[in-house]
């Protein structure tokens, strides 16, 4: 019984994606950090990871090695009403290690 559990544990570990890098950065609109931006990392249109930006727009994602599109979007309140903003990094290359201080610029949707 013990060897079966060990084998199952090993297989479960192998089935998990190998996170090659931690990506950290900030979402900004007109130079200011923006909180609560929904961030989605995709490969060929398929979602791989998601998170939300936190305090002052900071975010953190763990991603396996690969090339991603990182897209962010939110709705901001303004004196004229709500403004939908978004931005993307179309060619985010992730290898082993860390990617720090990535800046995702947001702009009003057209």
N, C-alpha and C. Protein backbone atom coordinates (compact mmCIF):
# COMPACT_ATOMS: atom_id res chain seq x y z
N UNK A 1 0.82 -1.20 0.00
CA UNK A 1 0.00 0.00 0.00
C UNK A 1 0.86 1.26 0.00
N UNK A 2 1.93 1.24 0.79
CA UNK A 2 2.81 2.40 0.89
C UNK A 2 3.47 2.74 -0.43
N UNK A 3 3.89 1.71 -1.20
CA UNK A 3 4.54 1.96 -2.48
C UNK A 3 3.54 2.52 -3.50
N UNK A 4 2.28 2.11 -3.41
CA UNK A 4 1.26 2.66 -4.30
C UNK A 4 1.04 4.14 -4.03
N UNK A 5 1.01 4.52 -2.74
CA UNK A 5 0.87 5.93 -2.40
C UNK A 5 2.06 6.73 -2.87
N UNK A 6 3.26 6.18 -2.75
CA UNK A 6 4.46 6.89 -3.20
C UNK A 6 4.41 7.10 -4.71
N UNK A 7 4.01 6.09 -5.44
CA UNK A 7 3.91 6.19 -6.89
C UNK A 7 2.87 7.24 -7.29
N UNK A 8 1.74 7.24 -6.62
CA UNK A 8 0.70 8.23 -6.90
C UNK A 8 1.21 9.63 -6.59
N UNK A 9 1.93 9.80 -5.50
CA UNK A 9 2.48 11.10 -5.15
C UNK A 9 3.44 11.60 -6.21
N UNK A 10 4.31 10.72 -6.69
CA UNK A 10 5.27 11.10 -7.74
C UNK A 10 4.54 11.48 -9.02
N UNK A 11 3.55 10.71 -9.41
CA UNK A 11 2.79 11.01 -10.62
C UNK A 11 2.06 12.34 -10.52
N UNK A 12 1.51 12.64 -9.35
CA UNK A 12 0.84 13.92 -9.15
C UNK A 12 1.83 15.07 -9.25
N UNK A 13 3.01 14.90 -8.70
CA UNK A 13 4.03 15.95 -8.80
C UNK A 13 4.44 16.18 -10.24
N UNK A 14 4.59 15.10 -11.00
CA UNK A 14 4.98 15.23 -12.40
C UNK A 14 3.89 15.87 -13.25
N UNK A 15 2.65 15.73 -12.85
CA UNK A 15 1.54 16.29 -13.61
C UNK A 15 1.41 17.80 -13.41
N UNK A 16 2.02 18.34 -12.37
CA UNK A 16 1.94 19.77 -12.10
C UNK A 16 2.83 20.53 -13.08
N UNK A 17 2.43 21.73 -13.54
CA UNK A 17 3.29 22.50 -14.43
C UNK A 17 4.54 22.94 -13.68
N UNK A 18 5.66 22.95 -14.39
CA UNK A 18 6.92 23.40 -13.80
C UNK A 18 7.01 24.91 -13.95
N UNK A 19 6.89 25.63 -12.85
CA UNK A 19 6.94 27.08 -12.91
C UNK A 19 8.38 27.53 -13.02
N UNK A 20 8.74 28.09 -14.17
CA UNK A 20 10.10 28.47 -14.45
C UNK A 20 10.43 29.85 -13.91
N UNK A 21 9.42 30.71 -13.80
CA UNK A 21 9.71 32.09 -13.43
C UNK A 21 8.58 32.71 -12.63
N UNK A 22 8.97 33.66 -11.83
CA UNK A 22 8.01 34.53 -11.17
C UNK A 22 8.07 35.86 -11.89
N UNK A 23 6.93 36.31 -12.35
CA UNK A 23 6.83 37.59 -13.05
C UNK A 23 6.18 38.59 -12.09
N UNK A 24 6.87 39.69 -11.84
CA UNK A 24 6.30 40.74 -11.00
C UNK A 24 6.30 42.04 -11.77
N UNK A 25 5.35 42.90 -11.45
CA UNK A 25 5.28 44.17 -12.15
C UNK A 25 4.19 45.05 -11.60
N UNK A 26 3.78 45.99 -12.44
CA UNK A 26 2.84 47.02 -12.04
C UNK A 26 1.93 47.37 -13.21
N UNK A 27 0.65 47.61 -12.92
CA UNK A 27 -0.28 48.10 -13.93
C UNK A 27 -0.43 49.60 -13.72
N UNK A 28 -0.31 50.37 -14.81
CA UNK A 28 -0.36 51.83 -14.69
C UNK A 28 -1.28 52.45 -15.74
N UNK A 29 -1.89 53.55 -15.36
CA UNK A 29 -2.70 54.36 -16.26
C UNK A 29 -2.29 55.81 -16.03
N UNK A 30 -1.77 56.44 -17.10
CA UNK A 30 -1.29 57.83 -17.02
C UNK A 30 -0.31 58.02 -15.86
N UNK A 31 0.60 57.05 -15.70
CA UNK A 31 1.67 57.15 -14.72
C UNK A 31 1.32 56.74 -13.30
N UNK A 32 0.06 56.41 -13.06
CA UNK A 32 -0.37 56.03 -11.71
C UNK A 32 -0.67 54.53 -11.65
N UNK A 33 -0.28 53.89 -10.55
CA UNK A 33 -0.59 52.48 -10.35
C UNK A 33 -2.08 52.26 -10.23
N UNK A 34 -2.59 51.19 -10.82
CA UNK A 34 -4.02 50.90 -10.81
C UNK A 34 -4.25 49.55 -10.14
N UNK A 35 -5.07 49.55 -9.09
CA UNK A 35 -5.42 48.33 -8.38
C UNK A 35 -6.61 47.64 -9.05
N UNK A 36 -6.76 46.36 -8.74
CA UNK A 36 -7.91 45.55 -9.20
C UNK A 36 -7.98 45.41 -10.72
N UNK A 37 -6.84 45.41 -11.39
CA UNK A 37 -6.79 45.11 -12.82
C UNK A 37 -6.77 43.59 -12.97
N UNK A 38 -7.64 43.05 -13.80
CA UNK A 38 -7.66 41.62 -14.07
C UNK A 38 -6.57 41.32 -15.10
N UNK A 39 -5.62 40.46 -14.73
CA UNK A 39 -4.50 40.10 -15.60
C UNK A 39 -4.64 38.63 -16.00
N UNK A 40 -4.49 38.37 -17.30
CA UNK A 40 -4.59 37.01 -17.82
C UNK A 40 -3.41 36.75 -18.74
N UNK A 41 -2.68 35.67 -18.47
CA UNK A 41 -1.58 35.23 -19.34
C UNK A 41 -2.11 34.11 -20.22
N UNK A 42 -1.92 34.25 -21.54
CA UNK A 42 -2.41 33.24 -22.48
C UNK A 42 -1.29 32.77 -23.41
N UNK A 43 -1.47 31.57 -23.94
CA UNK A 43 -0.63 31.02 -25.00
C UNK A 43 -1.58 30.59 -26.10
N UNK A 44 -1.42 31.18 -27.28
CA UNK A 44 -2.30 30.87 -28.42
C UNK A 44 -3.78 30.99 -28.04
N UNK A 45 -4.11 32.01 -27.25
CA UNK A 45 -5.49 32.28 -26.87
C UNK A 45 -6.02 31.44 -25.72
N UNK A 46 -5.21 30.52 -25.19
CA UNK A 46 -5.63 29.65 -24.08
C UNK A 46 -5.08 30.22 -22.77
N UNK A 47 -5.97 30.43 -21.80
CA UNK A 47 -5.56 30.97 -20.51
C UNK A 47 -4.65 29.99 -19.77
N UNK A 48 -3.52 30.52 -19.27
CA UNK A 48 -2.57 29.72 -18.52
C UNK A 48 -2.56 30.13 -17.05
N UNK A 49 -2.70 31.43 -16.80
CA UNK A 49 -2.69 31.93 -15.42
C UNK A 49 -3.46 33.24 -15.38
N UNK A 50 -3.95 33.57 -14.16
CA UNK A 50 -4.63 34.84 -13.97
C UNK A 50 -4.37 35.34 -12.57
N UNK A 51 -4.47 36.66 -12.41
CA UNK A 51 -4.35 37.29 -11.10
C UNK A 51 -4.99 38.66 -11.19
N UNK A 52 -4.97 39.38 -10.09
CA UNK A 52 -5.43 40.77 -10.04
C UNK A 52 -4.33 41.62 -9.45
N UNK A 53 -4.21 42.85 -9.94
CA UNK A 53 -3.21 43.75 -9.36
C UNK A 53 -3.68 44.19 -7.99
N UNK A 54 -2.71 44.43 -7.14
CA UNK A 54 -3.00 44.84 -5.77
C UNK A 54 -2.59 46.28 -5.52
N UNK A 55 -2.07 46.51 -4.33
CA UNK A 55 -1.69 47.83 -3.86
C UNK A 55 -0.79 48.54 -4.88
N UNK A 56 -1.17 49.73 -5.27
CA UNK A 56 -0.44 50.56 -6.24
C UNK A 56 -0.23 49.86 -7.58
N UNK A 57 -1.08 48.90 -7.90
CA UNK A 57 -1.00 48.23 -9.20
C UNK A 57 -0.03 47.06 -9.26
N UNK A 58 0.55 46.66 -8.13
CA UNK A 58 1.54 45.58 -8.16
C UNK A 58 0.87 44.23 -8.43
N UNK A 59 1.60 43.37 -9.14
CA UNK A 59 1.10 42.02 -9.39
C UNK A 59 2.24 41.03 -9.41
N UNK A 60 1.86 39.75 -9.30
CA UNK A 60 2.82 38.64 -9.31
C UNK A 60 2.16 37.43 -9.96
N UNK A 61 2.87 36.80 -10.89
CA UNK A 61 2.40 35.60 -11.57
C UNK A 61 3.53 34.57 -11.60
N UNK A 62 3.20 33.31 -11.38
CA UNK A 62 4.15 32.21 -11.58
C UNK A 62 3.78 31.54 -12.90
N UNK A 63 4.77 31.46 -13.81
CA UNK A 63 4.49 30.92 -15.14
C UNK A 63 5.54 29.89 -15.55
N UNK A 64 5.11 28.84 -16.25
CA UNK A 64 6.07 27.91 -16.84
C UNK A 64 6.82 28.61 -17.97
N UNK A 65 7.94 28.04 -18.35
CA UNK A 65 8.72 28.59 -19.45
C UNK A 65 7.86 28.64 -20.71
N UNK A 66 7.96 29.75 -21.46
CA UNK A 66 7.20 29.88 -22.69
C UNK A 66 7.06 31.33 -23.11
N UNK A 67 6.27 31.55 -24.14
CA UNK A 67 6.00 32.89 -24.66
C UNK A 67 4.51 33.15 -24.48
N UNK A 68 4.17 34.26 -23.85
CA UNK A 68 2.81 34.57 -23.45
C UNK A 68 2.35 35.91 -23.98
N UNK A 69 1.04 36.08 -24.04
CA UNK A 69 0.44 37.41 -24.14
C UNK A 69 -0.12 37.68 -22.75
N UNK A 70 0.27 38.81 -22.18
CA UNK A 70 -0.26 39.22 -20.88
C UNK A 70 -1.21 40.37 -21.13
N UNK A 71 -2.46 40.18 -20.75
CA UNK A 71 -3.50 41.18 -20.99
C UNK A 71 -4.09 41.62 -19.66
N UNK A 72 -4.31 42.92 -19.53
CA UNK A 72 -4.93 43.45 -18.32
C UNK A 72 -6.10 44.35 -18.69
N UNK A 73 -7.15 44.34 -17.85
CA UNK A 73 -8.29 45.21 -18.10
C UNK A 73 -9.02 45.51 -16.80
N UNK A 74 -9.66 46.68 -16.77
CA UNK A 74 -10.49 47.08 -15.64
C UNK A 74 -11.38 48.23 -16.08
N UNK A 75 -12.24 48.65 -15.18
CA UNK A 75 -13.09 49.82 -15.41
C UNK A 75 -12.77 50.82 -14.32
N UNK A 76 -12.45 52.06 -14.72
CA UNK A 76 -12.12 53.13 -13.78
C UNK A 76 -13.29 54.10 -13.66
N UNK A 77 -13.43 54.66 -12.50
CA UNK A 77 -14.44 55.70 -12.26
C UNK A 77 -13.81 57.06 -12.56
N UNK A 78 -14.54 57.91 -13.26
CA UNK A 78 -14.06 59.27 -13.52
C UNK A 78 -15.23 60.24 -13.35
N UNK A 79 -14.94 61.54 -13.43
CA UNK A 79 -15.99 62.54 -13.30
C UNK A 79 -17.01 62.41 -14.42
N UNK A 80 -16.61 61.84 -15.56
CA UNK A 80 -17.51 61.66 -16.71
C UNK A 80 -18.18 60.29 -16.73
N UNK A 81 -17.95 59.50 -15.70
CA UNK A 81 -18.53 58.15 -15.65
C UNK A 81 -17.46 57.09 -15.69
N UNK A 82 -17.86 55.89 -16.05
CA UNK A 82 -16.92 54.78 -16.10
C UNK A 82 -16.11 54.79 -17.39
N UNK A 83 -14.83 54.42 -17.26
CA UNK A 83 -13.94 54.34 -18.41
C UNK A 83 -13.28 52.96 -18.41
N UNK A 84 -13.52 52.18 -19.47
CA UNK A 84 -12.87 50.87 -19.60
C UNK A 84 -11.46 51.09 -20.13
N UNK A 85 -10.48 50.48 -19.46
CA UNK A 85 -9.08 50.58 -19.87
C UNK A 85 -8.50 49.18 -19.98
N UNK A 86 -7.52 49.05 -20.87
CA UNK A 86 -6.85 47.76 -21.02
C UNK A 86 -5.47 47.97 -21.62
N UNK A 87 -4.68 46.92 -21.57
CA UNK A 87 -3.35 46.94 -22.16
C UNK A 87 -2.84 45.53 -22.27
N UNK A 88 -1.81 45.34 -23.09
CA UNK A 88 -1.25 43.99 -23.20
C UNK A 88 0.23 44.05 -23.56
N UNK A 89 0.89 42.97 -23.22
CA UNK A 89 2.28 42.73 -23.63
C UNK A 89 2.19 41.47 -24.48
N UNK A 90 2.32 41.61 -25.81
CA UNK A 90 2.03 40.50 -26.71
C UNK A 90 3.11 39.41 -26.78
N UNK A 91 4.32 39.70 -26.36
CA UNK A 91 5.42 38.76 -26.56
C UNK A 91 6.26 38.65 -25.29
N UNK A 92 5.63 38.22 -24.21
CA UNK A 92 6.32 38.08 -22.92
C UNK A 92 7.04 36.73 -22.89
N UNK A 93 8.36 36.78 -22.94
CA UNK A 93 9.18 35.56 -22.96
C UNK A 93 9.63 35.21 -21.55
N UNK A 94 9.23 34.03 -21.11
CA UNK A 94 9.53 33.57 -19.76
C UNK A 94 10.49 32.40 -19.83
N UNK A 95 11.60 32.52 -19.11
CA UNK A 95 12.57 31.43 -18.99
C UNK A 95 12.73 31.10 -17.52
N UNK A 96 13.85 30.56 -17.15
CA UNK A 96 14.12 30.27 -15.75
C UNK A 96 14.47 31.55 -15.02
N UNK A 97 14.03 31.67 -13.78
CA UNK A 97 14.38 32.83 -12.96
C UNK A 97 13.22 33.77 -12.75
N UNK A 98 13.56 35.05 -12.64
CA UNK A 98 12.56 36.08 -12.33
C UNK A 98 12.49 37.11 -13.44
N UNK A 99 11.31 37.66 -13.60
CA UNK A 99 11.13 38.85 -14.43
C UNK A 99 10.54 39.88 -13.50
N UNK A 100 11.29 40.94 -13.23
CA UNK A 100 10.87 41.96 -12.26
C UNK A 100 10.61 43.29 -12.94
N UNK A 101 9.75 44.08 -12.29
CA UNK A 101 9.47 45.46 -12.69
C UNK A 101 8.87 45.59 -14.08
N UNK A 102 8.10 44.60 -14.47
CA UNK A 102 7.37 44.68 -15.73
C UNK A 102 6.29 45.74 -15.58
N UNK A 103 6.11 46.59 -16.57
CA UNK A 103 5.08 47.63 -16.51
C UNK A 103 4.06 47.37 -17.61
N UNK A 104 2.81 47.21 -17.20
CA UNK A 104 1.71 47.04 -18.15
C UNK A 104 0.95 48.35 -18.22
N UNK A 105 1.13 49.07 -19.33
CA UNK A 105 0.48 50.35 -19.54
C UNK A 105 -0.96 50.14 -19.98
N UNK A 106 -1.88 50.81 -19.33
CA UNK A 106 -3.29 50.74 -19.67
C UNK A 106 -3.70 52.00 -20.44
N UNK A 107 -4.63 51.84 -21.37
CA UNK A 107 -5.14 52.97 -22.15
C UNK A 107 -6.65 52.78 -22.30
N UNK A 108 -7.38 53.90 -22.51
CA UNK A 108 -8.83 53.76 -22.70
C UNK A 108 -9.15 52.87 -23.90
N UNK A 109 -10.15 52.02 -23.75
CA UNK A 109 -10.60 51.19 -24.87
C UNK A 109 -11.28 52.09 -25.89
N UNK A 110 -11.14 51.77 -27.13
CA UNK A 110 -11.75 52.57 -28.21
C UNK A 110 -12.98 51.90 -28.72
